[in-house]
Amino acid sequence: MSMTREEIISVLGPADEGLVVEIAATGATVEELREAWAWLHGDEALIGEGRPMPGTRVAALIEMLEPEGEER
């Protein structure tokens, strides 16, 4: 089941409506969105915590959420 607008906003905070629609269209879960957010905004690399690399949907969400022009 795709995420609702409210679930997406609960993770991202105020967000562009186009981005909300794009994220909802991925079919990702709210847990996957939280994981993507953690990968982008974690104080330390999650790989150091023993977490596996992000899956396909999480990686796609990271790409959507990453600020333009910023590469990791």
N, C-alpha and C. Protein backbone atom coordinates (compact mmCIF):
# COMPACT_ATOMS: atom_id res chain seq x y z
N MET A 1 0.83 -1.18 0.00
CA MET A 1 0.00 0.00 0.00
C MET A 1 0.88 1.24 0.00
N SER A 2 0.61 2.17 -0.89
CA SER A 2 1.45 3.36 -0.97
C SER A 2 1.16 4.28 0.22
N MET A 3 2.11 5.14 0.49
CA MET A 3 2.00 6.05 1.62
C MET A 3 0.97 7.14 1.35
N THR A 4 0.41 7.62 2.42
CA THR A 4 -0.49 8.76 2.31
C THR A 4 0.33 10.04 2.37
N ARG A 5 -0.29 11.13 1.96
CA ARG A 5 0.35 12.44 2.03
C ARG A 5 0.76 12.72 3.48
N GLU A 6 -0.11 12.41 4.42
CA GLU A 6 0.16 12.66 5.83
C GLU A 6 1.37 11.88 6.33
N GLU A 7 1.51 10.63 5.90
CA GLU A 7 2.67 9.83 6.31
C GLU A 7 3.95 10.42 5.75
N ILE A 8 3.91 10.85 4.51
CA ILE A 8 5.10 11.43 3.88
C ILE A 8 5.49 12.71 4.61
N ILE A 9 4.52 13.58 4.88
CA ILE A 9 4.79 14.83 5.60
C ILE A 9 5.29 14.55 7.01
N SER A 10 4.82 13.47 7.64
CA SER A 10 5.27 13.16 9.00
C SER A 10 6.77 12.84 9.03
N VAL A 11 7.30 12.35 7.92
CA VAL A 11 8.73 12.05 7.84
C VAL A 11 9.51 13.27 7.35
N LEU A 12 9.04 13.91 6.29
CA LEU A 12 9.79 14.98 5.66
C LEU A 12 9.56 16.36 6.27
N GLY A 13 8.41 16.54 6.91
CA GLY A 13 8.02 17.88 7.30
C GLY A 13 7.41 18.55 6.08
N PRO A 14 7.26 19.88 6.11
CA PRO A 14 6.67 20.56 4.96
C PRO A 14 7.46 20.24 3.69
N ALA A 15 6.75 19.85 2.64
CA ALA A 15 7.42 19.44 1.40
C ALA A 15 6.61 19.91 0.21
N ASP A 16 7.31 20.08 -0.89
CA ASP A 16 6.69 20.44 -2.16
C ASP A 16 5.67 19.36 -2.54
N GLU A 17 4.50 19.78 -2.97
CA GLU A 17 3.44 18.83 -3.32
C GLU A 17 3.86 17.89 -4.44
N GLY A 18 4.65 18.39 -5.39
CA GLY A 18 5.14 17.54 -6.48
C GLY A 18 6.02 16.41 -5.95
N LEU A 19 6.87 16.73 -4.98
CA LEU A 19 7.74 15.70 -4.39
C LEU A 19 6.90 14.68 -3.63
N VAL A 20 5.89 15.14 -2.91
CA VAL A 20 5.01 14.23 -2.17
C VAL A 20 4.35 13.24 -3.14
N VAL A 21 3.84 13.75 -4.25
CA VAL A 21 3.19 12.89 -5.25
C VAL A 21 4.20 11.91 -5.85
N GLU A 22 5.40 12.39 -6.14
CA GLU A 22 6.44 11.53 -6.72
C GLU A 22 6.83 10.42 -5.75
N ILE A 23 6.97 10.75 -4.48
CA ILE A 23 7.32 9.74 -3.47
C ILE A 23 6.19 8.72 -3.33
N ALA A 24 4.95 9.19 -3.27
CA ALA A 24 3.82 8.28 -3.14
C ALA A 24 3.75 7.31 -4.32
N ALA A 25 4.13 7.78 -5.50
CA ALA A 25 4.06 6.95 -6.71
C ALA A 25 5.10 5.84 -6.73
N THR A 26 6.11 5.90 -5.86
CA THR A 26 7.13 4.85 -5.85
C THR A 26 6.61 3.53 -5.31
N GLY A 27 5.53 3.58 -4.53
CA GLY A 27 5.03 2.37 -3.90
C GLY A 27 5.80 1.99 -2.66
N ALA A 28 6.73 2.86 -2.23
CA ALA A 28 7.53 2.59 -1.04
C ALA A 28 6.66 2.69 0.21
N THR A 29 7.14 2.08 1.27
CA THR A 29 6.46 2.14 2.56
C THR A 29 7.00 3.32 3.36
N VAL A 30 6.29 3.68 4.41
CA VAL A 30 6.76 4.76 5.26
C VAL A 30 8.07 4.36 5.95
N GLU A 31 8.24 3.08 6.21
CA GLU A 31 9.50 2.61 6.81
C GLU A 31 10.66 2.81 5.84
N GLU A 32 10.42 2.55 4.56
CA GLU A 32 11.46 2.77 3.55
C GLU A 32 11.79 4.26 3.43
N LEU A 33 10.79 5.12 3.52
CA LEU A 33 11.03 6.56 3.48
C LEU A 33 11.84 6.99 4.70
N ARG A 34 11.51 6.46 5.86
CA ARG A 34 12.28 6.79 7.07
C ARG A 34 13.73 6.34 6.93
N GLU A 35 13.94 5.18 6.34
CA GLU A 35 15.30 4.68 6.14
C GLU A 35 16.07 5.59 5.17
N ALA A 36 15.43 6.00 4.09
CA ALA A 36 16.07 6.91 3.13
C ALA A 36 16.43 8.22 3.81
N TRP A 37 15.51 8.76 4.61
CA TRP A 37 15.75 10.00 5.33
C TRP A 37 16.94 9.83 6.28
N ALA A 38 17.01 8.69 6.95
CA ALA A 38 18.12 8.42 7.87
C ALA A 38 19.45 8.35 7.13
N TRP A 39 19.46 7.74 5.93
CA TRP A 39 20.69 7.67 5.14
C TRP A 39 21.16 9.07 4.75
N LEU A 40 20.23 9.94 4.42
CA LEU A 40 20.60 11.30 3.99
C LEU A 40 20.96 12.22 5.15
N HIS A 41 20.31 12.04 6.29
CA HIS A 41 20.45 13.01 7.36
C HIS A 41 21.07 12.45 8.63
N GLY A 42 21.56 11.22 8.58
CA GLY A 42 22.20 10.64 9.75
C GLY A 42 23.50 11.36 10.07
N ASP A 43 23.79 11.50 11.34
CA ASP A 43 25.04 12.14 11.74
C ASP A 43 26.25 11.30 11.37
N GLU A 44 26.07 9.99 11.35
CA GLU A 44 27.16 9.09 10.99
C GLU A 44 26.64 8.14 9.93
N ALA A 45 27.56 7.63 9.14
CA ALA A 45 27.17 6.69 8.09
C ALA A 45 26.50 5.47 8.71
N LEU A 46 25.35 5.10 8.17
CA LEU A 46 24.62 3.95 8.71
C LEU A 46 25.36 2.65 8.45
N ILE A 47 26.20 2.63 7.44
CA ILE A 47 26.96 1.40 7.15
C ILE A 47 27.88 1.07 8.34
N GLY A 48 28.34 2.11 9.04
CA GLY A 48 29.18 1.91 10.22
C GLY A 48 28.42 1.25 11.36
N GLU A 49 27.10 1.33 11.30
CA GLU A 49 26.26 0.69 12.31
C GLU A 49 25.94 -0.74 11.93
N GLY A 50 26.53 -1.21 10.85
CA GLY A 50 26.28 -2.58 10.42
C GLY A 50 25.03 -2.75 9.58
N ARG A 51 24.44 -1.64 9.15
CA ARG A 51 23.25 -1.75 8.31
C ARG A 51 23.64 -2.09 6.89
N PRO A 52 22.81 -2.89 6.22
CA PRO A 52 23.10 -3.19 4.82
C PRO A 52 22.87 -1.95 3.96
N MET A 53 23.45 -1.95 2.78
CA MET A 53 23.24 -0.85 1.84
C MET A 53 21.75 -0.76 1.52
N PRO A 54 21.28 0.43 1.17
CA PRO A 54 19.85 0.58 0.89
C PRO A 54 19.39 -0.26 -0.30
N GLY A 55 18.16 -0.75 -0.20
CA GLY A 55 17.56 -1.50 -1.30
C GLY A 55 17.16 -0.58 -2.43
N THR A 56 16.59 -1.13 -3.47
CA THR A 56 16.25 -0.38 -4.68
C THR A 56 15.30 0.78 -4.40
N ARG A 57 14.20 0.53 -3.69
CA ARG A 57 13.24 1.61 -3.44
C ARG A 57 13.83 2.67 -2.52
N VAL A 58 14.57 2.24 -1.51
CA VAL A 58 15.19 3.21 -0.60
C VAL A 58 16.20 4.05 -1.37
N ALA A 59 16.99 3.43 -2.23
CA ALA A 59 17.96 4.18 -3.04
C ALA A 59 17.26 5.18 -3.95
N ALA A 60 16.12 4.81 -4.52
CA ALA A 60 15.35 5.73 -5.37
C ALA A 60 14.83 6.90 -4.55
N LEU A 61 14.39 6.63 -3.33
CA LEU A 61 13.92 7.71 -2.45
C LEU A 61 15.05 8.64 -2.07
N ILE A 62 16.22 8.08 -1.80
CA ILE A 62 17.39 8.90 -1.47
C ILE A 62 17.69 9.84 -2.63
N GLU A 63 17.64 9.31 -3.84
CA GLU A 63 17.91 10.12 -5.02
C GLU A 63 16.89 11.27 -5.15
N MET A 64 15.63 11.00 -4.86
CA MET A 64 14.59 12.03 -4.92
C MET A 64 14.79 13.10 -3.86
N LEU A 65 15.24 12.69 -2.69
CA LEU A 65 15.35 13.60 -1.56
C LEU A 65 16.66 14.38 -1.52
N GLU A 66 17.66 13.88 -2.20
CA GLU A 66 18.97 14.53 -2.17
C GLU A 66 18.90 15.89 -2.85
N PRO A 67 19.42 16.92 -2.19
CA PRO A 67 19.38 18.25 -2.80
C PRO A 67 20.07 18.27 -4.17
N GLU A 68 19.53 19.08 -5.08
CA GLU A 68 20.10 19.21 -6.43
C GLU A 68 21.57 19.62 -6.34
N GLY A 69 22.39 19.00 -7.17
CA GLY A 69 23.80 19.37 -7.25
C GLY A 69 24.68 18.77 -6.16
N GLU A 70 24.08 18.07 -5.21
CA GLU A 70 24.86 17.48 -4.13
C GLU A 70 25.07 16.01 -4.44
N GLU A 71 26.32 15.61 -4.46
CA GLU A 71 26.64 14.20 -4.68
C GLU A 71 27.25 13.64 -3.44
N ARG A 72 27.00 12.36 -3.20
CA ARG A 72 27.56 11.70 -2.02
C ARG A 72 28.71 10.83 -2.42
